[in-house]
Protein backbone atom coordinates (compact mmCIF):
# COMPACT_ATOMS: atom_id res chain seq x y z
CA UNK A 1 157.75 94.07 56.55
CA UNK A 2 160.45 92.64 58.74
CA UNK A 3 161.32 89.00 58.39
CA UNK A 4 159.70 86.41 60.86
CA UNK A 5 161.52 85.60 64.03
CA UNK A 6 161.33 81.89 63.60
CA UNK A 7 163.40 80.22 60.98
CA UNK A 8 162.14 79.90 57.67
CA UNK A 9 161.65 76.29 56.41
CA UNK A 10 163.03 74.47 53.29
CA UNK A 11 163.17 70.61 52.53
CA UNK A 12 165.74 68.83 50.24
CA UNK A 13 167.45 65.65 49.20
CA UNK A 14 170.31 64.34 50.61
CA UNK A 15 172.45 65.56 47.67
CA UNK A 16 172.57 69.00 48.88
CA UNK A 17 172.83 68.61 52.17
CA UNK A 18 176.19 69.86 53.04
CA UNK A 19 176.12 72.22 50.48
CA UNK A 20 172.82 74.17 51.96
CA UNK A 21 174.13 73.83 55.49
CA UNK A 22 177.01 76.31 54.20
CA UNK A 23 174.91 78.38 52.02
CA UNK A 24 171.98 78.98 55.01
CA UNK A 25 175.09 80.13 56.96
CA UNK A 26 176.47 82.46 54.79
CA UNK A 27 172.65 83.97 53.78
CA UNK A 28 172.16 84.42 57.61
CA UNK A 29 175.49 86.39 57.38
CA UNK A 30 174.93 88.58 54.69
CA UNK A 31 170.99 88.90 55.49
CA UNK A 32 170.39 88.52 58.83
CA UNK A 33 167.38 86.08 57.79
CA UNK A 34 167.32 82.46 59.37
CA UNK A 35 166.72 79.30 57.19
CA UNK A 36 166.60 75.77 58.49
CA UNK A 37 166.45 72.99 55.70
CA UNK A 38 165.73 69.59 56.68
CA UNK A 39 167.71 67.22 54.17
CA UNK A 40 165.99 63.63 53.68
CA UNK A 41 165.73 61.28 50.67
CA UNK A 42 164.12 63.07 47.76
CA UNK A 43 161.42 60.37 47.50
CA UNK A 44 160.31 61.05 50.87
CA UNK A 45 160.77 64.86 50.53
CA UNK A 46 158.31 65.09 47.53
CA UNK A 47 156.01 62.78 49.08
CA UNK A 48 155.88 65.02 52.19
CA UNK A 49 155.19 68.18 50.01
CA UNK A 50 152.64 66.09 48.18
CA UNK A 51 150.96 65.24 51.64
CA UNK A 52 150.32 68.97 52.08
CA UNK A 53 153.34 69.26 54.88
CA UNK A 54 153.97 72.81 55.22
CA UNK A 55 157.44 74.38 53.99
CA UNK A 56 158.46 77.73 52.65
CA UNK A 57 160.93 76.26 49.91
CA UNK A 58 161.50 72.86 48.49
CA UNK A 59 164.43 72.17 46.65
CA UNK A 60 164.62 68.83 44.88
CA UNK A 61 165.92 67.33 41.83
CA UNK A 62 164.21 69.32 38.75
CA UNK A 63 161.97 66.30 37.77
CA UNK A 64 160.55 66.01 41.32
CA UNK A 65 160.07 69.96 41.18
CA UNK A 66 158.12 69.78 37.78
CA UNK A 67 156.10 66.71 38.89
CA UNK A 68 155.26 68.61 42.40
CA UNK A 69 154.36 72.12 40.42
CA UNK A 70 152.32 69.81 37.76
CA UNK A 71 150.29 68.34 40.79
CA UNK A 72 149.69 71.71 41.94
CA UNK A 73 151.74 71.47 45.24
CA UNK A 74 154.14 74.02 43.98
CA UNK A 75 153.10 77.63 42.14
CA UNK A 76 153.32 77.30 38.32
CA UNK A 77 156.50 79.01 36.99
CA UNK A 78 158.43 79.05 40.27
CA UNK A 79 161.07 76.53 39.35
CA UNK A 80 164.50 77.99 39.54
CA UNK A 81 167.61 75.52 38.53
CA UNK A 82 170.25 76.32 40.93
CA UNK A 83 173.00 73.69 41.16
CA UNK A 84 173.94 71.22 38.84
CA UNK A 85 175.86 67.78 40.29
CA UNK A 86 177.57 65.00 38.17
CA UNK A 87 177.27 61.19 39.33
CA UNK A 88 180.87 59.95 39.95
CA UNK A 89 182.30 56.39 40.80
CA UNK A 90 184.07 55.40 43.67
CA UNK A 91 186.06 52.41 45.44
CA UNK A 92 187.37 52.08 48.91
CA UNK A 93 190.68 54.08 49.68
CA UNK A 94 193.22 51.60 48.87
CA UNK A 95 191.30 48.87 46.94
CA UNK A 96 192.36 48.19 43.22
CA UNK A 97 191.40 50.83 41.06
CA UNK A 98 189.45 49.87 38.06
CA UNK A 99 189.37 51.47 34.53
CA UNK A 100 186.27 53.53 34.07
CA UNK A 101 187.52 56.11 31.13
CA UNK A 102 185.32 54.30 28.57
CA UNK A 103 181.79 52.81 28.57
CA UNK A 104 183.33 49.48 27.82
CA UNK A 105 185.68 49.18 30.42
CA UNK A 106 183.26 50.89 33.05
CA UNK A 107 180.61 47.61 32.11
CA UNK A 108 183.65 45.60 32.68
CA UNK A 109 184.22 47.18 36.20
CA UNK A 110 180.77 46.63 37.23
CA UNK A 111 180.94 43.04 36.23
CA UNK A 112 183.77 42.26 37.92
CA UNK A 113 182.76 44.24 41.32
CA UNK A 114 181.80 41.77 44.16
CA UNK A 115 179.02 44.45 45.40
CA UNK A 116 177.50 47.22 44.20
CA UNK A 117 176.06 50.62 45.67
CA UNK A 118 173.64 52.89 43.71
CA UNK A 119 171.89 55.71 45.15
CA UNK A 120 168.25 56.33 45.17
CA UNK A 121 166.59 59.24 43.24
CA UNK A 122 166.80 59.91 39.52
CA UNK A 123 170.72 59.64 39.42
CA UNK A 124 170.47 55.89 40.97
CA UNK A 125 167.79 55.26 38.51
CA UNK A 126 169.70 56.35 35.48
CA UNK A 127 172.47 54.17 36.87
CA UNK A 128 170.01 51.02 37.20
CA UNK A 129 168.67 51.54 33.97
CA UNK A 130 172.19 51.87 32.39
CA UNK A 131 173.73 48.23 33.88
CA UNK A 132 170.44 46.86 32.91
CA UNK A 133 170.84 47.88 29.66
CA UNK A 134 174.12 46.21 29.46
CA UNK A 135 172.36 42.95 29.95
CA UNK A 136 173.50 43.00 33.93
CA UNK A 137 170.45 42.88 35.77
CA UNK A 138 170.71 39.85 37.16
CA UNK A 139 174.27 40.51 38.47
CA UNK A 140 172.92 43.90 39.60
CA UNK A 141 170.06 42.16 41.50
CA UNK A 142 172.35 39.93 43.19
CA UNK A 143 175.27 41.92 44.13
CA UNK A 144 173.48 45.43 45.03
CA UNK A 145 173.78 46.51 48.66
CA UNK A 146 170.67 49.01 49.25
CA UNK A 147 171.60 51.83 51.57
CA UNK A 148 169.21 52.62 54.45
CA UNK A 149 167.04 55.65 53.88
CA UNK A 150 169.25 59.01 54.54
CA UNK A 151 172.28 56.88 54.23
CA UNK A 152 174.83 57.88 51.23
CA UNK A 153 176.64 55.28 49.25
CA UNK A 154 179.93 56.72 50.21
CA UNK A 155 179.54 55.93 53.74
CA UNK A 156 178.80 51.80 52.54
CA UNK A 157 181.85 51.94 50.36
CA UNK A 158 184.10 53.97 53.45
CA UNK A 159 182.85 50.67 55.49
CA UNK A 160 183.55 48.05 53.07
CA UNK A 161 179.94 46.76 52.23
CA UNK A 162 180.22 48.47 48.51
CA UNK A 163 183.15 47.43 46.14
CA UNK A 164 182.03 49.71 43.17
CA UNK A 165 179.63 52.68 43.86
CA UNK A 166 177.64 55.63 42.09
CA UNK A 167 176.44 58.74 43.67
CA UNK A 168 176.41 62.43 43.36
CA UNK A 169 179.63 63.79 43.46
CA UNK A 170 178.86 66.20 46.45
CA UNK A 171 178.32 62.89 48.72
CA UNK A 172 181.23 61.62 47.83
CA UNK A 173 183.50 64.60 47.83
CA UNK A 174 185.65 64.63 51.10
CA UNK A 175 184.60 61.63 52.52
CA UNK A 176 187.17 59.64 54.73
CA UNK A 177 187.83 56.21 53.20
CA UNK A 178 186.53 56.96 49.62
CA UNK A 179 188.41 56.94 46.35
CA UNK A 180 186.69 58.67 43.90
CA UNK A 181 187.45 57.55 40.27
CA UNK A 182 185.57 60.14 38.55
CA UNK A 183 182.39 61.08 36.42
CA UNK A 184 180.75 58.54 34.38
CA UNK A 185 182.27 58.64 30.81
CA UNK A 186 181.01 60.07 27.65
CA UNK A 187 178.39 59.26 26.23
CA UNK A 188 177.07 57.75 29.53
CA UNK A 189 177.65 60.70 31.72
CA UNK A 190 174.78 62.05 33.88
CA UNK A 191 174.04 65.21 35.29
CA UNK A 192 171.41 66.29 37.96
CA UNK A 193 169.84 69.44 37.69
CA UNK A 194 168.62 70.64 41.34
CA UNK A 195 165.79 72.93 41.49
CA UNK A 196 163.87 75.16 43.69
CA UNK A 197 160.23 75.19 43.84
CA UNK A 198 157.49 77.50 45.87
CA UNK A 199 154.77 76.03 47.60
CA UNK A 200 151.33 76.79 46.35
CA UNK A 201 150.62 78.62 49.49
CA UNK A 202 153.73 80.89 49.62
CA UNK A 203 151.60 83.37 46.59
CA UNK A 204 153.45 86.66 45.79
CA UNK A 205 151.08 88.46 48.20
CA UNK A 206 152.01 86.21 51.28
CA UNK A 207 154.09 87.96 53.74
CA UNK A 208 156.98 85.65 54.05
CA UNK A 209 157.37 85.71 49.89
CA UNK A 210 159.88 88.38 49.92
CA UNK A 211 162.17 86.39 51.89
CA UNK A 212 161.67 83.22 50.03
CA UNK A 213 162.58 85.40 46.72
CA UNK A 214 165.50 86.79 48.60
CA UNK A 215 166.85 83.23 49.52
CA UNK A 216 166.21 81.95 45.57
CA UNK A 217 168.12 84.69 44.28
CA UNK A 218 171.36 84.17 47.06
CA UNK A 219 171.30 80.59 45.88
CA UNK A 220 171.85 81.63 42.08
CA UNK A 221 174.01 84.76 43.00
CA UNK A 222 177.94 85.39 42.59
CA UNK A 223 178.20 84.74 46.63
CA UNK A 224 177.34 81.12 46.43
CA UNK A 225 179.30 79.90 43.54
CA UNK A 226 182.76 79.20 45.53
CA UNK A 227 180.34 76.99 47.91
CA UNK A 228 179.07 74.95 45.14
CA UNK A 229 182.47 74.23 43.54
CA UNK A 230 183.92 73.06 47.19
CA UNK A 231 181.07 70.60 47.29
CA UNK A 232 182.02 69.25 43.84
CA UNK A 233 179.01 71.16 42.37
CA UNK A 234 178.62 73.57 39.91
CA UNK A 235 176.27 76.40 38.41
CA UNK A 236 174.78 76.75 34.68
CA UNK A 237 173.55 80.17 35.36
CA UNK A 238 171.80 80.53 31.40
CA UNK A 239 169.67 77.26 32.63
CA UNK A 240 168.54 79.15 35.43
CA UNK A 241 165.12 80.71 35.36
CA UNK A 242 164.36 83.55 37.53
CA UNK A 243 160.89 84.13 37.66
CA UNK A 244 160.35 87.25 39.93
CA UNK A 245 161.29 90.63 38.34
CA UNK A 246 163.09 92.08 41.55
CA UNK A 247 165.32 88.95 41.40
CA UNK A 248 167.44 90.91 38.71
CA UNK A 249 169.32 93.27 40.84
CA UNK A 250 172.73 92.41 42.97
CA UNK A 251 172.19 90.03 45.88
CA UNK A 252 174.12 92.71 48.02
CA UNK A 253 171.83 95.43 47.16
CA UNK A 254 168.73 93.08 47.45
CA UNK A 255 169.62 92.40 51.14
CA UNK A 256 169.86 96.33 51.53
CA UNK A 257 165.98 96.26 50.65
CA UNK A 258 165.06 94.92 54.13
């Protein structure tokens, strides 16, 4: 069956927006199949999927995908882990550079920053919990600058509204006006696994399932790896779950099966 003429629709969180934009173009170049990915805040994306909005694929942090599977909005066994991203710390370009090489030094940097920016979603929740665990909860409440929905913390850093910010590396890389200091130090480093899940209505018998599986395979295939590195992300292929038996052949051969 030929792919449909209209683009296939996916929804993702903002952390993978730019990476997916590049991957969609590369997938279309290789296969001729068009995808359109809408990137919004992860909480909003999960809420829309749970409300029954129709998509061909959902791409969110792994815990959000697991929750949607448990709720029956995504197919059981359809989760595919496709990219990893760590949380980094950043300051405005040209600002004094604090030492964040140890947990103690990071805590000191947080306590001395006049304003703090933390992303929403799982990584932001982790950083907030970390800071509160240091006994700096009151300070965080006083100094935190909340980004509007869909606005990356990096943009607030570049505008000088945030003195010390935390967000996924993919949303900081190449952003003008931002100096990325590096990832959170061990033992408090944090890495988010981004996963894909297939909506409940896209069963194995669904006419669009072949193209959904094809795109899923591309997300974990060798041609996608250089794009992930360019965006400051990585892939751990050992943790990737490929649940369709035909997603074991090379991507090039898979595209020839259209």
